[in-house]
Protein backbone atom coordinates (compact mmCIF):
# COMPACT_ATOMS: atom_id res chain seq x y z
CA UNK A 1 18.09 -7.56 41.66
CA UNK A 2 18.94 -10.02 38.91
CA UNK A 3 17.18 -13.34 38.37
CA UNK A 4 19.07 -15.76 36.18
CA UNK A 5 17.70 -19.08 34.98
CA UNK A 6 20.79 -20.93 33.83
CA UNK A 7 20.26 -23.91 31.53
CA UNK A 8 17.69 -25.67 33.74
CA UNK A 9 15.91 -28.91 33.05
CA UNK A 10 13.04 -29.68 35.40
CA UNK A 11 9.85 -31.67 35.80
CA UNK A 12 8.13 -34.17 38.08
CA UNK A 13 9.47 -37.59 38.97
CA UNK A 14 11.10 -39.14 35.92
CA UNK A 15 9.24 -36.84 33.49
CA UNK A 16 11.05 -33.67 32.45
CA UNK A 17 8.78 -30.85 31.28
CA UNK A 18 11.38 -28.19 30.50
CA UNK A 19 14.73 -28.74 28.86
CA UNK A 20 17.77 -26.42 28.99
CA UNK A 21 15.88 -23.17 29.63
CA UNK A 22 17.90 -19.99 30.17
CA UNK A 23 16.69 -16.42 30.76
CA UNK A 24 17.61 -13.30 32.70
CA UNK A 25 15.37 -10.69 34.33
CA UNK A 26 16.87 -7.58 35.89
CA UNK A 27 15.55 -4.71 37.94
CA UNK A 28 12.68 -2.89 36.26
CA UNK A 29 12.25 -5.38 33.44
CA UNK A 30 8.99 -7.12 32.55
CA UNK A 31 9.11 -10.50 30.87
CA UNK A 32 5.88 -12.04 29.61
CA UNK A 33 5.86 -15.79 29.04
CA UNK A 34 3.51 -16.90 26.27
CA UNK A 35 2.69 -20.37 25.07
CA UNK A 36 -0.06 -23.00 24.91
CA UNK A 37 -1.29 -24.94 27.93
CA UNK A 38 0.99 -27.67 29.20
CA UNK A 39 4.32 -26.33 27.96
CA UNK A 40 5.71 -25.83 31.48
CA UNK A 41 5.18 -22.19 32.42
CA UNK A 42 3.94 -23.04 35.92
CA UNK A 43 6.67 -25.68 36.29
CA UNK A 44 9.26 -22.99 35.57
CA UNK A 45 7.75 -20.82 38.29
CA UNK A 46 7.92 -23.66 40.80
CA UNK A 47 11.61 -24.06 40.06
CA UNK A 48 12.23 -20.35 40.62
CA UNK A 49 10.30 -20.41 43.89
CA UNK A 50 12.17 -23.47 45.13
CA UNK A 51 9.11 -25.75 45.17
CA UNK A 52 10.88 -28.22 42.89
CA UNK A 53 14.59 -28.65 42.28
CA UNK A 54 15.95 -28.58 38.73
CA UNK A 55 17.31 -31.85 37.39
CA UNK A 56 20.05 -29.82 35.74
CA UNK A 57 21.10 -26.19 35.81
CA UNK A 58 20.46 -23.55 38.46
CA UNK A 59 18.27 -20.62 39.46
CA UNK A 60 20.26 -17.64 40.74
CA UNK A 61 19.29 -14.46 42.56
CA UNK A 62 22.10 -11.92 42.34
CA UNK A 63 24.42 -14.82 41.65
CA UNK A 64 23.26 -16.93 44.61
CA UNK A 65 21.52 -20.27 44.13
CA UNK A 66 17.93 -19.93 45.39
CA UNK A 67 18.09 -23.41 46.93
CA UNK A 68 20.68 -22.09 49.38
CA UNK A 69 18.70 -19.02 50.42
CA UNK A 70 16.50 -19.02 53.51
CA UNK A 71 12.74 -19.16 53.08
CA UNK A 72 12.43 -15.81 54.85
CA UNK A 73 14.84 -14.08 52.51
CA UNK A 74 13.15 -15.53 49.44
CA UNK A 75 9.79 -14.32 50.76
CA UNK A 76 11.19 -10.83 51.31
CA UNK A 77 12.47 -10.44 47.76
CA UNK A 78 10.12 -12.62 45.65
CA UNK A 79 6.34 -12.36 45.64
CA UNK A 80 4.16 -14.89 43.84
CA UNK A 81 0.63 -14.46 42.51
CA UNK A 82 -0.92 -17.87 41.72
CA UNK A 83 -3.75 -18.50 39.27
CA UNK A 84 -6.17 -19.37 42.06
CA UNK A 85 -6.19 -19.60 45.83
CA UNK A 86 -8.77 -20.53 48.44
CA UNK A 87 -7.70 -20.33 52.09
CA UNK A 88 -8.80 -22.89 54.64
CA UNK A 89 -10.44 -20.22 56.81
CA UNK A 90 -12.82 -17.39 55.87
CA UNK A 91 -10.46 -14.46 56.40
CA UNK A 92 -11.43 -10.89 55.66
CA UNK A 93 -9.93 -9.43 52.50
CA UNK A 94 -7.78 -6.98 54.47
CA UNK A 95 -6.34 -9.81 56.57
CA UNK A 96 -5.37 -11.69 53.41
CA UNK A 97 -3.53 -8.64 52.11
CA UNK A 98 -1.76 -8.05 55.44
CA UNK A 99 -0.43 -11.61 55.17
CA UNK A 100 1.84 -10.22 52.48
CA UNK A 101 3.76 -8.49 55.26
CA UNK A 102 4.54 -11.78 57.05
CA UNK A 103 8.13 -12.00 55.81
CA UNK A 104 8.86 -8.53 57.25
CA UNK A 105 7.31 -9.18 60.67
CA UNK A 106 8.94 -11.08 63.56
CA UNK A 107 7.64 -14.54 64.44
CA UNK A 108 5.69 -13.37 67.51
CA UNK A 109 5.08 -9.78 66.43
CA UNK A 110 1.84 -8.20 65.24
CA UNK A 111 1.56 -6.03 62.13
CA UNK A 112 2.68 -2.47 62.81
CA UNK A 113 0.91 0.71 61.71
CA UNK A 114 3.31 0.84 58.77
CA UNK A 115 2.39 -2.72 57.77
CA UNK A 116 -1.30 -1.83 57.90
CA UNK A 117 -0.78 1.34 55.86
CA UNK A 118 1.18 -0.54 53.21
CA UNK A 119 -1.65 -3.07 52.98
CA UNK A 120 -4.26 -0.32 52.65
CA UNK A 121 -2.22 1.31 49.89
CA UNK A 122 -2.02 -2.01 48.01
CA UNK A 123 -5.82 -2.26 48.04
CA UNK A 124 -6.16 1.34 46.90
CA UNK A 125 -3.68 0.87 44.04
CA UNK A 126 -5.92 -1.84 42.59
CA UNK A 127 -9.15 0.09 43.28
CA UNK A 128 -10.54 -2.59 45.62
CA UNK A 129 -10.56 -0.76 48.97
CA UNK A 130 -14.32 -1.34 49.06
CA UNK A 131 -13.62 -5.07 49.53
CA UNK A 132 -11.56 -4.51 52.66
CA UNK A 133 -14.06 -5.95 55.17
CA UNK A 134 -15.63 -8.58 52.93
CA UNK A 135 -14.98 -12.30 53.47
CA UNK A 136 -12.39 -13.47 50.96
CA UNK A 137 -14.12 -16.78 50.24
CA UNK A 138 -17.41 -14.99 49.48
CA UNK A 139 -16.21 -12.58 46.79
CA UNK A 140 -15.99 -13.42 43.08
CA UNK A 141 -13.09 -15.23 41.47
CA UNK A 142 -11.98 -12.06 39.70
CA UNK A 143 -12.07 -10.10 42.94
CA UNK A 144 -10.03 -12.80 44.68
CA UNK A 145 -7.42 -12.51 41.94
CA UNK A 146 -7.11 -8.78 42.57
CA UNK A 147 -6.77 -9.41 46.30
CA UNK A 148 -3.91 -11.85 45.67
CA UNK A 149 -2.15 -9.21 43.60
CA UNK A 150 -2.68 -6.68 46.39
CA UNK A 151 -1.17 -9.16 48.86
CA UNK A 152 1.89 -9.48 46.62
CA UNK A 153 2.20 -5.69 46.37
CA UNK A 154 2.05 -5.42 50.16
CA UNK A 155 5.02 -7.77 50.30
CA UNK A 156 7.10 -5.04 48.58
CA UNK A 157 9.24 -7.53 46.66
CA UNK A 158 12.18 -6.96 44.35
CA UNK A 159 10.84 -9.59 41.95
CA UNK A 160 7.17 -10.34 41.24
CA UNK A 161 6.14 -13.63 39.67
CA UNK A 162 2.58 -13.67 38.32
CA UNK A 163 0.93 -16.82 36.96
CA UNK A 164 -1.77 -15.57 34.56
CA UNK A 165 -2.57 -12.51 36.70
CA UNK A 166 -5.49 -11.46 34.51
CA UNK A 167 -7.30 -14.80 34.58
CA UNK A 168 -10.94 -14.46 35.68
CA UNK A 169 -10.77 -10.67 35.39
CA UNK A 170 -13.17 -8.58 33.35
CA UNK A 171 -11.78 -6.33 30.63
CA UNK A 172 -11.50 -3.24 32.82
CA UNK A 173 -9.68 -5.03 35.61
CA UNK A 174 -7.33 -6.67 33.13
CA UNK A 175 -6.29 -3.22 31.96
CA UNK A 176 -5.87 -2.00 35.56
CA UNK A 177 -3.63 -4.93 36.42
CA UNK A 178 -1.45 -4.33 33.36
CA UNK A 179 -1.20 -0.65 34.30
CA UNK A 180 -0.11 -1.68 37.80
CA UNK A 181 2.52 -4.01 36.33
CA UNK A 182 3.94 -1.08 34.36
CA UNK A 183 4.05 1.06 37.51
CA UNK A 184 5.94 -1.69 39.36
CA UNK A 185 8.51 -1.77 36.59
CA UNK A 186 8.92 1.98 36.97
CA UNK A 187 9.60 1.46 40.68
CA UNK A 188 12.46 -0.91 39.87
CA UNK A 189 10.66 -4.20 40.45
CA UNK A 190 11.34 -7.04 38.02
CA UNK A 191 8.21 -8.84 36.81
CA UNK A 192 7.91 -12.31 35.30
CA UNK A 193 4.34 -13.05 34.23
CA UNK A 194 2.50 -15.56 32.10
CA UNK A 195 -0.41 -14.75 29.84
CA UNK A 196 -2.54 -16.39 27.18
CA UNK A 197 -2.96 -13.07 25.39
CA UNK A 198 -0.17 -11.87 23.07
CA UNK A 199 -1.63 -8.36 23.31
CA UNK A 200 -0.52 -8.23 26.94
CA UNK A 201 3.07 -8.59 25.80
CA UNK A 202 2.64 -5.66 23.42
CA UNK A 203 1.10 -3.53 26.17
CA UNK A 204 3.59 -3.89 29.00
CA UNK A 205 6.54 -6.21 28.35
CA UNK A 206 10.15 -5.32 27.76
CA UNK A 207 10.93 -8.92 26.85
CA UNK A 208 8.96 -12.00 25.81
CA UNK A 209 9.54 -15.72 26.14
CA UNK A 210 7.44 -17.73 23.69
CA UNK A 211 7.32 -21.40 24.72
CA UNK A 212 6.54 -24.21 22.26
CA UNK A 213 5.16 -27.69 22.84
CA UNK A 214 8.45 -29.26 21.73
CA UNK A 215 10.25 -27.58 24.63
CA UNK A 216 11.81 -24.75 22.60
CA UNK A 217 11.62 -21.19 23.89
CA UNK A 218 12.25 -18.00 21.93
CA UNK A 219 13.36 -15.07 24.08
CA UNK A 220 13.86 -11.50 22.96
CA UNK A 221 12.29 -8.12 22.30
CA UNK A 222 8.51 -8.10 21.88
CA UNK A 223 8.51 -7.10 18.22
CA UNK A 224 11.07 -9.76 17.37
CA UNK A 225 9.33 -12.64 19.17
CA UNK A 226 5.61 -11.94 18.86
CA UNK A 227 5.27 -12.36 15.10
CA UNK A 228 2.54 -13.93 13.01
CA UNK A 229 4.76 -16.88 12.10
CA UNK A 230 5.97 -17.53 15.65
CA UNK A 231 2.42 -17.43 17.02
CA UNK A 232 1.22 -19.79 14.30
CA UNK A 233 3.98 -22.26 15.16
CA UNK A 234 3.33 -22.00 18.91
CA UNK A 235 -0.48 -22.11 18.94
CA UNK A 236 -1.36 -23.69 15.61
CA UNK A 237 -3.67 -20.87 14.53
CA UNK A 238 -3.47 -18.13 11.93
CA UNK A 239 -3.22 -14.56 13.23
CA UNK A 240 -2.57 -11.11 11.86
CA UNK A 241 -0.68 -8.44 13.75
CA UNK A 242 -1.81 -4.88 13.17
CA UNK A 243 -1.65 -1.64 15.11
CA UNK A 244 -3.90 1.15 16.29
CA UNK A 245 -3.00 4.77 16.91
CA UNK A 246 -3.59 6.47 20.23
CA UNK A 247 -4.59 10.10 20.58
CA UNK A 248 -0.96 11.02 21.32
CA UNK A 249 0.13 9.49 18.01
CA UNK A 250 1.77 6.40 19.50
CA UNK A 251 0.89 3.15 17.77
CA UNK A 252 0.10 0.00 19.75
CA UNK A 253 0.24 -3.44 18.18
CA UNK A 254 -2.56 -5.95 18.56
CA UNK A 255 -3.03 -9.57 17.55
CA UNK A 256 -6.14 -10.56 15.57
CA UNK A 257 -7.10 -14.25 15.13
CA UNK A 258 -8.18 -15.12 11.62
CA UNK A 259 -11.51 -16.79 12.42
CA UNK A 260 -13.86 -17.98 9.74
CA UNK A 261 -17.10 -16.05 10.20
CA UNK A 262 -19.11 -17.90 7.57
């Protein structure tokens, strides 16, 4: 599946947040959107999901305008992981994950054994099967984030949109989520995710979009986009990019902020 953002301008009311943004994500690709708060990353997601209509331009799935697709079809091919979510009712964790199967179940039908197995597998993939019978509203914020990702996995989408998927997660769970993102790419799922950590782009992205406060966006290969100069211009801080060597000899880049320790 191919997602194409074609020269869109979008915002709220008479205020445009994004101007003339274009990007393409194809099957198996991972694009990480970086940039400071308030540059419009979430607004872009809302345009892709059909929550807001672009003022100009279009959002296409396999060449078809998403505004002309049915809600059911969009839900079958696109899964969304928000930054935070609190349901109105105290559902069990497993029930929240099974809700990811809604688009594949008939209006009056109950989840099948296959739906339940897919949901169990999603919990297992993220190492949170032990939360299965806990009340969703009573677990920690980090655990809720993992449950939302499991719900999206249960949806079995072609495209996964993740708004800061590692927010509220401890270091270990951040790594597990990034590992899962890589696995999804290997299964042919396209992933568009936002992050506040340039290192995440080095770890799992095939492409990066670096958004600036002036509305500009730089899109390209990770090594070309995530540079010391580009990060300084985007975030207004000095950084150094270095690398560390793994046991297998592969080098992984990392971004180090130049803090004054005196």
